[in-house]
Amino acid sequence: MNITRNRWLSLVAAATATAALAGCSDGGAGAGGATAEAEPEGPVTIEVWGWNAETGQQYAEAFNAAQDDVVVEYVLQASNTATATNFRNAVEAGSAVPCLVQGFAPLTTMVVNGWAQDITDAVEPSADLYSKGALAAAQVNERYYGLPSGADGQFLIVNTATYDKFGVDVPTTWDEFLEAGRTFKAGGVDVTNLAGEDPSTLMNLAQQAGAEWFAIDGDQWKVNFTDDATLEAAEVVQTLIDEDLVSNQTYQDKPALYSYFDSGNMASTTTQWWSITGLQTNLVQSAGDWKAAPIPQFADADETVTPGRTTPSFVPEGCENPDAVMTFVDWGTTAEGIEAGRNPETGAVGFPTQIPDPSEYVADVVPEGFFTDDAAAADVIVEAQAATVGKFELGPNYDAWFPELQDQWGKAVAGEITVEEALAAVQKFVESDLESKGIAHTS
């Protein structure tokens, strides 16, 4: 089913942003050199917005030097928040809309607001350059509205000193993870940590189980925070809470959090590749004791899947050169393009999570002295990327409902309500919010 742009916009009460974008057909500096009347002479120029202060400009310059077809003008933004503000201002002004914007909100928000254009025809010719998860993350309703972006796959790290002390095997399923937690509890150790302000564990488990909180049903949204997959995930979390198998250290006090992680009183946690350097820096006592392992699976899973989401970059409406954008993005999958992203200060290359096999580059993201076996940890990270789901719809009103989820999650972690009750409350909130905004929906 292909939902056209007009049909997408029927999901919202008003489309003033889209009208503004439609008014900037050649987009000034940001829309590139092509016009409807004639083919461009010389290279096509596109404006790219991002907030990568370390390597964004050097990457654009390297791309420009590597070929003659496209010229990238990189405009550094102060942050993702600044990007969002500046982009909205450009939309409202009806001019100077760039051709590529680093993603600052869920892709469905970009689509429903009329900001991201359908670039399926530009993406499909080079789709084999990207991983399944990267391609999935860039799609809404089986059409490409985002650029293929690698979602960071989750994996498990376990403190082997703690696991060995209690004679516990590394869990391969969530049922085994709960059993491990019961063994640790008898010795006063937590199997993991659930911060009261961070519902990402629940979201990750729901995604891994195959939940669909938002889906398209004809010309309306289908909202379901209590589908069977979500409730399966919720049951795991509820058991952790009910049986007091976890701690609730906050991420807002990093020194205390790291001290707790380092103490041996927390046996394991899920993480992703970009967190490891920070852990290695701060976990001094337990450095060298940590083992990387695949994230536990649900016992009834048909295949190994790894939770992981991302916020893809997008091509705004008004840009006439999505093919030129893809030339730039595709270059990032090449050895030359990946090398161009090497940080000049740290010497680290950006881990190319968007390609099918990033194993050649994984050594750069495995810090020395943290894992019991660096090579084995590298394999786990690569395997996690290969199995990353990538896709998890967040609906048209993520900015409204996520704070509500945080609030309800905090209550559930504190034992004031159940996880299922928290999810039902968020469902009710989403339905009310969509109703107030005139966005068609069903449950």
Protein backbone atom coordinates (compact mmCIF):
# COMPACT_ATOMS: atom_id res chain seq x y z
CA MET A 1 0.00 0.00 0.00
CA ASN A 2 1.44 3.36 -1.05
CA ILE A 3 0.12 6.31 0.92
CA THR A 4 0.58 9.43 -1.16
CA ARG A 5 1.76 12.72 0.29
CA ASN A 6 -1.76 14.16 0.18
CA ARG A 7 -3.12 11.13 1.95
CA TRP A 8 -0.43 11.40 4.61
CA LEU A 9 -1.44 14.98 5.20
CA SER A 10 -5.04 13.94 5.70
CA LEU A 11 -3.81 12.45 8.97
CA VAL A 12 -3.27 15.90 10.43
CA ALA A 13 -5.59 18.78 11.08
CA ALA A 14 -3.54 21.38 9.22
CA ALA A 15 -0.62 21.40 6.84
CA THR A 16 0.78 24.89 6.99
CA ALA A 17 4.34 23.59 7.16
CA THR A 18 3.82 21.65 3.95
CA ALA A 19 2.39 24.67 2.21
CA ALA A 20 5.47 26.60 3.16
CA LEU A 21 7.74 23.90 1.84
CA ALA A 22 5.79 23.67 -1.41
CA GLY A 23 6.43 27.34 -1.97
CA CYS A 24 10.20 26.88 -2.26
CA SER A 25 10.47 24.80 -5.40
CA ASP A 26 14.07 25.69 -6.21
CA GLY A 27 15.01 26.19 -2.56
CA GLY A 28 17.65 28.88 -3.01
CA ALA A 29 21.02 27.81 -1.66
CA GLY A 30 19.65 24.65 -0.09
CA ALA A 31 17.80 23.01 -2.95
CA GLY A 32 20.71 22.38 -5.26
CA GLY A 33 21.42 23.46 -8.80
CA ALA A 34 18.72 21.70 -10.80
CA THR A 35 15.64 23.46 -12.20
CA ALA A 36 12.53 22.12 -13.86
CA GLU A 37 13.41 23.85 -17.15
CA ALA A 38 16.94 22.59 -17.84
CA GLU A 39 19.58 20.14 -16.79
CA PRO A 40 22.24 21.68 -14.54
CA GLU A 41 25.62 22.52 -15.98
CA GLY A 42 28.50 21.23 -13.91
CA PRO A 43 28.17 19.64 -10.48
CA VAL A 44 24.94 19.78 -8.48
CA THR A 45 25.28 21.70 -5.22
CA ILE A 46 23.38 20.53 -2.16
CA GLU A 47 23.27 21.98 1.32
CA VAL A 48 23.63 19.54 4.22
CA TRP A 49 22.75 20.33 7.83
CA GLY A 50 24.24 18.42 10.75
CA TRP A 51 25.77 18.92 14.18
CA ASN A 52 28.93 16.84 13.83
CA ALA A 53 31.49 19.44 14.89
CA GLU A 54 34.35 16.91 14.92
CA THR A 55 34.23 15.48 11.42
CA GLY A 56 31.22 16.85 9.52
CA GLN A 57 33.12 19.51 7.58
CA GLN A 58 36.17 17.36 6.85
CA TYR A 59 33.88 14.60 5.61
CA ALA A 60 32.11 16.96 3.20
CA GLU A 61 35.42 18.31 1.93
CA ALA A 62 36.75 14.80 1.35
CA PHE A 63 33.60 13.88 -0.57
CA ASN A 64 33.87 17.00 -2.72
CA ALA A 65 37.47 16.16 -3.54
CA ALA A 66 36.65 12.53 -4.37
CA GLN A 67 34.25 13.18 -7.26
CA ASP A 68 33.01 15.89 -9.64
CA ASP A 69 29.24 15.34 -9.78
CA VAL A 70 28.03 16.77 -6.46
CA VAL A 71 29.26 19.61 -4.27
CA VAL A 72 28.23 19.50 -0.61
CA GLU A 73 27.99 22.67 1.42
CA TYR A 74 28.04 21.53 5.06
CA VAL A 75 26.25 23.85 7.46
CA LEU A 76 27.17 23.06 11.05
CA GLN A 77 24.31 23.26 13.53
CA ALA A 78 24.84 23.82 17.24
CA SER A 79 22.85 20.73 18.28
CA ASN A 80 19.89 18.56 17.34
CA THR A 81 17.62 21.05 19.10
CA ALA A 82 19.11 23.93 17.16
CA THR A 83 18.68 21.96 13.94
CA ALA A 84 15.00 21.45 14.68
CA THR A 85 14.49 25.16 15.40
CA ASN A 86 16.41 26.33 12.35
CA PHE A 87 14.64 23.87 10.08
CA ARG A 88 11.21 24.97 11.26
CA ASN A 89 12.23 28.57 10.69
CA ALA A 90 13.34 27.75 7.14
CA VAL A 91 10.07 25.96 6.47
CA GLU A 92 8.03 28.89 7.73
CA ALA A 93 10.11 31.32 5.69
CA GLY A 94 9.52 29.22 2.57
CA SER A 95 13.11 29.42 1.38
CA ALA A 96 16.66 28.16 1.97
CA VAL A 97 15.49 24.65 2.84
CA PRO A 98 18.49 22.28 2.74
CA CYS A 99 18.66 19.02 0.81
CA LEU A 100 19.74 16.80 3.69
CA VAL A 101 19.00 17.26 7.38
CA GLN A 102 20.39 15.11 10.18
CA GLY A 103 17.38 13.49 11.84
CA PHE A 104 16.14 15.29 14.93
CA ALA A 105 12.77 13.56 15.45
CA PRO A 106 11.14 10.22 14.61
CA LEU A 107 10.76 9.68 10.88
CA THR A 108 6.99 9.38 11.09
CA THR A 109 6.87 12.87 12.59
CA MET A 110 8.82 14.17 9.60
CA VAL A 111 6.45 12.45 7.19
CA VAL A 112 3.19 13.46 8.83
CA ASN A 113 4.37 17.07 9.10
CA GLY A 114 5.09 17.03 5.39
CA TRP A 115 8.79 17.67 5.92
CA ALA A 116 10.36 14.50 4.50
CA GLN A 117 9.81 13.62 0.88
CA ASP A 118 9.41 10.13 -0.57
CA ILE A 119 12.87 9.25 -1.90
CA THR A 120 12.19 5.60 -2.71
CA ASP A 121 13.29 5.95 -6.34
CA ALA A 122 16.60 7.45 -5.21
CA VAL A 123 17.30 4.86 -2.49
CA GLU A 124 16.38 1.58 -4.19
CA PRO A 125 19.21 1.48 -6.78
CA SER A 126 21.84 1.31 -4.02
CA ALA A 127 19.85 -0.57 -1.36
CA ASP A 128 22.30 -3.49 -1.41
CA LEU A 129 24.95 -1.23 0.14
CA TYR A 130 23.02 -1.16 3.41
CA SER A 131 22.06 -3.54 6.19
CA LYS A 132 18.52 -4.78 6.63
CA GLY A 133 18.12 -2.78 9.82
CA ALA A 134 19.37 0.42 8.19
CA LEU A 135 16.91 0.04 5.34
CA ALA A 136 14.03 -0.80 7.68
CA ALA A 137 14.71 2.26 9.82
CA ALA A 138 14.44 4.51 6.75
CA GLN A 139 10.96 3.34 5.75
CA VAL A 140 7.44 4.40 6.57
CA ASN A 141 4.76 2.15 5.18
CA GLU A 142 7.28 0.40 2.92
CA ARG A 143 8.40 3.63 1.27
CA TYR A 144 11.70 5.39 1.88
CA TYR A 145 11.20 8.75 3.53
CA GLY A 146 14.53 8.58 5.35
CA LEU A 147 18.10 7.83 4.41
CA PRO A 148 19.38 4.36 5.34
CA SER A 149 20.76 4.77 8.84
CA GLY A 150 22.36 2.18 11.06
CA ALA A 151 20.58 1.55 14.34
CA ASP A 152 22.96 0.66 17.17
CA GLY A 153 22.35 -2.97 18.07
CA GLN A 154 22.01 -3.88 21.74
CA PHE A 155 24.05 -6.62 23.38
CA LEU A 156 24.65 -7.85 26.91
CA ILE A 157 27.73 -7.31 29.04
CA VAL A 158 28.22 -9.45 32.13
CA ASN A 159 30.64 -9.08 35.02
CA THR A 160 32.39 -12.44 34.86
CA ALA A 161 33.75 -12.09 38.40
CA THR A 162 30.19 -11.88 39.69
CA TYR A 163 28.81 -14.57 37.37
CA ASP A 164 31.64 -16.95 38.24
CA LYS A 165 31.26 -16.30 41.97
CA PHE A 166 27.63 -17.43 41.85
CA GLY A 167 28.19 -20.18 39.28
CA VAL A 168 25.73 -18.60 36.82
CA ASP A 169 25.94 -19.22 33.06
CA VAL A 170 25.47 -16.29 30.71
CA PRO A 171 21.74 -16.24 29.90
CA THR A 172 20.62 -16.79 26.32
CA THR A 173 16.89 -16.21 26.91
CA TRP A 174 14.98 -13.75 29.06
CA ASP A 175 13.66 -16.65 31.14
CA GLU A 176 17.25 -17.61 31.92
CA PHE A 177 18.00 -13.96 32.70
CA LEU A 178 15.25 -13.97 35.33
CA GLU A 179 16.57 -17.23 36.80
CA ALA A 180 20.03 -15.68 37.00
CA GLY A 181 18.50 -12.73 38.82
CA ARG A 182 16.95 -15.01 41.43
CA THR A 183 20.32 -16.65 42.07
CA PHE A 184 22.06 -13.29 42.42
CA LYS A 185 19.37 -11.94 44.72
CA ALA A 186 20.14 -14.64 47.27
CA GLY A 187 23.61 -13.15 47.53
CA GLY A 188 22.52 -9.51 47.57
CA VAL A 189 23.43 -8.78 43.94
CA ASP A 190 21.21 -7.22 41.26
CA VAL A 191 20.99 -8.83 37.85
CA THR A 192 20.70 -5.38 36.23
CA ASN A 193 19.56 -1.78 36.75
CA LEU A 194 16.25 -0.12 35.83
CA ALA A 195 16.40 3.67 36.12
CA GLY A 196 13.06 5.21 37.02
CA GLU A 197 13.38 7.96 34.42
CA ASP A 198 14.41 5.76 31.49
CA PRO A 199 11.83 3.49 29.81
CA SER A 200 14.26 2.41 27.09
CA THR A 201 14.49 -1.12 28.52
CA LEU A 202 10.76 -1.57 28.02
CA MET A 203 10.88 -0.07 24.52
CA ASN A 204 13.82 -2.27 23.55
CA LEU A 205 12.14 -5.43 24.81
CA ALA A 206 8.89 -4.52 23.07
CA GLN A 207 10.71 -3.91 19.79
CA GLN A 208 12.60 -7.18 20.14
CA ALA A 209 9.38 -9.07 20.81
CA GLY A 210 7.82 -7.64 17.63
CA ALA A 211 5.53 -5.00 19.08
CA GLU A 212 3.82 -2.40 16.92
CA TRP A 213 2.79 0.58 19.03
CA PHE A 214 1.90 2.53 15.89
CA ALA A 215 0.90 1.27 12.46
CA ILE A 216 -0.95 2.65 9.43
CA ASP A 217 -4.53 1.46 9.02
CA GLY A 218 -5.85 2.89 5.77
CA ASP A 219 -5.86 6.66 6.20
CA GLN A 220 -5.47 6.61 9.97
CA TRP A 221 -3.07 5.54 12.69
CA LYS A 222 -3.58 2.31 14.60
CA VAL A 223 -2.36 2.69 18.19
CA ASN A 224 -1.65 -0.35 20.34
CA PHE A 225 0.57 -0.14 23.41
CA THR A 226 -0.85 -3.38 24.80
CA ASP A 227 -0.42 -5.87 21.94
CA ASP A 228 0.70 -9.40 22.76
CA ALA A 229 4.36 -8.69 22.01
CA THR A 230 4.41 -5.67 24.30
CA LEU A 231 2.75 -7.60 27.10
CA GLU A 232 5.33 -10.37 26.70
CA ALA A 233 8.04 -7.74 27.16
CA ALA A 234 6.15 -6.16 30.05
CA GLU A 235 5.98 -9.51 31.83
CA VAL A 236 9.78 -9.75 31.89
CA VAL A 237 10.11 -6.24 33.32
CA GLN A 238 7.30 -6.84 35.82
CA THR A 239 9.03 -9.94 37.15
CA LEU A 240 12.27 -8.00 37.61
CA ILE A 241 10.36 -5.40 39.62
CA ASP A 242 8.07 -7.72 41.59
CA GLU A 243 10.86 -10.04 42.68
CA ASP A 244 13.21 -7.15 43.46
CA LEU A 245 15.90 -8.44 41.13
CA VAL A 246 17.14 -4.99 40.06
CA SER A 247 18.38 -1.70 41.44
CA ASN A 248 17.03 1.70 40.41
CA GLN A 249 20.16 3.81 40.11
CA THR A 250 19.44 7.02 38.20
CA TYR A 251 21.36 8.07 35.10
CA GLN A 252 21.19 11.63 36.36
CA ASP A 253 23.98 10.96 38.87
CA LYS A 254 26.69 9.46 36.68
CA PRO A 255 29.41 9.17 39.36
CA ALA A 256 27.10 7.18 41.64
CA LEU A 257 25.87 5.09 38.71
CA TYR A 258 29.36 4.18 37.56
CA SER A 259 30.42 3.42 41.11
CA TYR A 260 27.52 0.99 41.39
CA PHE A 261 28.30 -0.64 38.03
CA ASP A 262 31.93 -0.97 39.15
CA SER A 263 31.17 -2.51 42.54
CA GLY A 264 30.31 -6.03 41.41
CA ASN A 265 26.83 -5.62 42.92
CA MET A 266 25.31 -5.37 39.43
CA ALA A 267 25.91 -8.49 37.40
CA SER A 268 24.97 -7.40 33.89
CA THR A 269 23.44 -4.76 31.68
CA THR A 270 22.47 -4.25 28.06
CA THR A 271 24.43 -1.66 26.13
CA GLN A 272 25.59 -0.69 22.64
CA TRP A 273 28.96 -0.11 21.01
CA TRP A 274 29.16 3.65 21.59
CA SER A 275 28.76 3.28 25.37
CA ILE A 276 31.76 1.03 25.86
CA THR A 277 34.47 3.70 25.88
CA GLY A 278 32.65 5.60 28.64
CA LEU A 279 32.26 2.42 30.65
CA GLN A 280 35.91 1.53 30.18
CA THR A 281 36.95 4.99 31.39
CA ASN A 282 34.79 4.92 34.50
CA LEU A 283 34.75 1.29 35.61
CA VAL A 284 38.25 1.07 37.00
CA GLN A 285 37.92 -1.78 39.51
CA SER A 286 35.98 -4.13 37.24
CA ALA A 287 37.87 -3.33 34.02
CA GLY A 288 38.88 -6.58 32.37
CA ASP A 289 36.07 -8.54 34.02
CA TRP A 290 33.35 -7.76 31.49
CA LYS A 291 32.28 -10.18 28.82
CA ALA A 292 30.17 -9.27 25.80
CA ALA A 293 27.36 -11.67 24.89
CA PRO A 294 24.38 -11.65 22.54
CA ILE A 295 21.29 -10.07 24.05
CA PRO A 296 18.92 -12.71 25.50
CA GLN A 297 16.09 -13.77 23.22
CA PHE A 298 12.44 -14.52 23.91
CA ALA A 299 12.04 -18.27 24.18
CA ASP A 300 9.44 -18.41 21.39
CA ALA A 301 11.39 -16.24 18.92
CA ASP A 302 11.58 -17.57 15.35
CA GLU A 303 14.93 -15.87 14.72
CA THR A 304 17.58 -13.94 16.59
CA VAL A 305 16.72 -10.26 16.65
CA THR A 306 18.45 -7.35 18.32
CA PRO A 307 16.64 -4.21 19.48
CA GLY A 308 17.96 -0.99 18.04
CA ARG A 309 16.36 2.22 16.81
CA THR A 310 17.66 5.33 15.11
CA THR A 311 16.50 8.73 13.88
CA PRO A 312 17.29 8.78 10.16
CA SER A 313 18.37 11.84 8.25
CA PHE A 314 15.91 12.96 5.59
CA VAL A 315 15.53 14.91 2.35
CA PRO A 316 13.09 17.78 2.87
CA GLU A 317 10.27 18.59 0.52
CA GLY A 318 11.51 21.33 -1.77
CA CYS A 319 14.86 19.70 -2.51
CA GLU A 320 14.97 18.75 -6.17
CA ASN A 321 18.09 16.61 -5.98
CA PRO A 322 17.51 13.47 -3.89
CA ASP A 323 19.72 11.53 -6.31
CA ALA A 324 22.61 13.87 -5.49
CA VAL A 325 21.91 13.32 -1.79
CA MET A 326 22.13 9.57 -2.29
CA THR A 327 25.44 9.99 -4.12
CA PHE A 328 26.73 11.69 -0.97
CA VAL A 329 25.17 9.15 1.41
CA ASP A 330 26.27 6.12 -0.63
CA TRP A 331 29.87 7.38 -0.54
CA GLY A 332 29.70 6.91 3.22
CA THR A 333 29.54 3.13 2.71
CA THR A 334 32.85 3.03 0.83
CA ALA A 335 36.26 2.51 2.44
CA GLU A 336 37.24 6.03 1.38
CA GLY A 337 34.09 7.52 2.85
CA ILE A 338 34.39 5.65 6.13
CA GLU A 339 38.02 6.72 6.47
CA ALA A 340 36.99 10.35 5.85
CA GLY A 341 34.99 10.19 9.08
CA ARG A 342 38.04 9.41 11.22
CA ASN A 343 38.22 11.77 14.19
CA PRO A 344 41.44 13.81 13.90
CA GLU A 345 41.79 14.12 17.69
CA THR A 346 40.96 10.62 18.90
CA GLY A 347 41.95 8.73 15.76
CA ALA A 348 38.72 6.73 15.92
CA VAL A 349 36.73 6.00 12.80
CA GLY A 350 32.96 6.31 12.90
CA PHE A 351 31.60 2.80 13.24
CA PRO A 352 29.64 2.18 9.99
CA THR A 353 26.54 0.56 11.43
CA GLN A 354 24.64 1.14 8.18
CA ILE A 355 26.60 -1.40 6.12
CA PRO A 356 25.89 -5.15 6.07
CA ASP A 357 29.28 -6.16 7.49
CA PRO A 358 31.14 -3.62 9.64
CA SER A 359 33.59 -6.20 10.99
CA GLU A 360 36.57 -4.50 9.35
CA TYR A 361 36.02 -1.45 11.54
CA VAL A 362 34.86 -2.89 14.84
CA ALA A 363 38.32 -2.99 16.42
CA ASP A 364 38.22 0.81 16.62
CA VAL A 365 35.24 0.72 18.98
CA VAL A 366 36.50 -2.00 21.33
CA PRO A 367 38.64 -0.27 24.00
CA GLU A 368 41.60 -2.13 25.40
CA GLY A 369 41.41 -3.39 28.95
CA PHE A 370 37.64 -3.55 29.42
CA PHE A 371 36.59 -6.94 28.05
CA THR A 372 37.84 -10.36 28.99
CA ASP A 373 38.31 -11.06 25.27
CA ASP A 374 38.46 -8.17 22.79
CA ALA A 375 38.12 -10.34 19.68
CA ALA A 376 35.06 -12.14 21.07
CA ALA A 377 33.51 -8.79 22.05
CA ALA A 378 34.07 -7.50 18.52
CA ASP A 379 32.26 -10.52 17.10
CA VAL A 380 29.30 -9.95 19.42
CA ILE A 381 29.04 -6.29 18.37
CA VAL A 382 29.09 -7.19 14.67
CA GLU A 383 26.50 -9.94 15.18
CA ALA A 384 24.27 -7.52 17.08
CA GLN A 385 24.41 -5.11 14.15
CA ALA A 386 23.51 -7.82 11.67
CA ALA A 387 20.40 -8.77 13.66
CA THR A 388 19.23 -5.24 14.48
CA VAL A 389 15.52 -4.69 13.91
CA GLY A 390 15.83 -1.01 13.05
CA LYS A 391 12.08 -0.46 12.64
CA PHE A 392 9.81 0.67 15.46
CA GLU A 393 7.13 3.23 14.61
CA LEU A 394 6.83 6.06 17.12
CA GLY A 395 3.74 7.69 15.66
CA PRO A 396 2.91 11.28 14.76
CA ASN A 397 3.05 12.70 18.31
CA TYR A 398 6.18 11.22 19.90
CA ASP A 399 7.13 14.51 21.58
CA ALA A 400 3.79 14.43 23.42
CA TRP A 401 3.56 10.80 24.49
CA PHE A 402 7.16 9.99 25.41
CA PRO A 403 7.15 12.20 28.54
CA GLU A 404 3.92 10.46 29.54
CA LEU A 405 5.63 7.09 29.11
CA GLN A 406 8.51 8.31 31.29
CA ASP A 407 6.07 9.35 34.00
CA GLN A 408 4.13 6.08 33.92
CA TRP A 409 7.34 4.06 33.75
CA GLY A 410 8.63 5.78 36.89
CA LYS A 411 5.46 4.79 38.73
CA ALA A 412 5.77 1.19 37.54
CA VAL A 413 9.42 0.91 38.56
CA ALA A 414 8.49 2.29 41.99
CA GLY A 415 5.80 -0.38 42.34
CA GLU A 416 2.91 2.10 42.41
CA ILE A 417 1.27 0.58 39.33
CA THR A 418 1.97 -2.41 37.11
CA VAL A 419 3.83 -2.13 33.81
CA GLU A 420 0.66 -3.17 32.00
CA GLU A 421 -1.27 -0.41 33.76
CA ALA A 422 1.42 2.06 32.74
CA LEU A 423 1.10 1.00 29.11
CA ALA A 424 -2.68 1.27 29.23
CA ALA A 425 -2.36 4.80 30.63
CA VAL A 426 -0.02 5.79 27.79
CA GLN A 427 -2.45 4.28 25.29
CA LYS A 428 -5.25 6.41 26.72
CA PHE A 429 -3.04 9.50 26.66
CA VAL A 430 -2.05 8.96 23.01
CA GLU A 431 -5.65 8.49 21.93
CA SER A 432 -6.70 11.67 23.72
CA ASP A 433 -3.79 13.65 22.31
CA LEU A 434 -4.42 12.51 18.74
CA GLU A 435 -8.11 13.32 19.16
CA SER A 436 -7.31 16.85 20.35
CA LYS A 437 -5.04 17.38 17.35
CA GLY A 438 -7.54 16.10 14.84
CA ILE A 439 -5.34 13.17 13.79
CA ALA A 440 -7.34 10.17 12.65
CA HIS A 441 -6.67 7.02 14.65
CA THR A 442 -8.04 3.69 15.77
CA SER A 443 -7.08 1.22 18.49
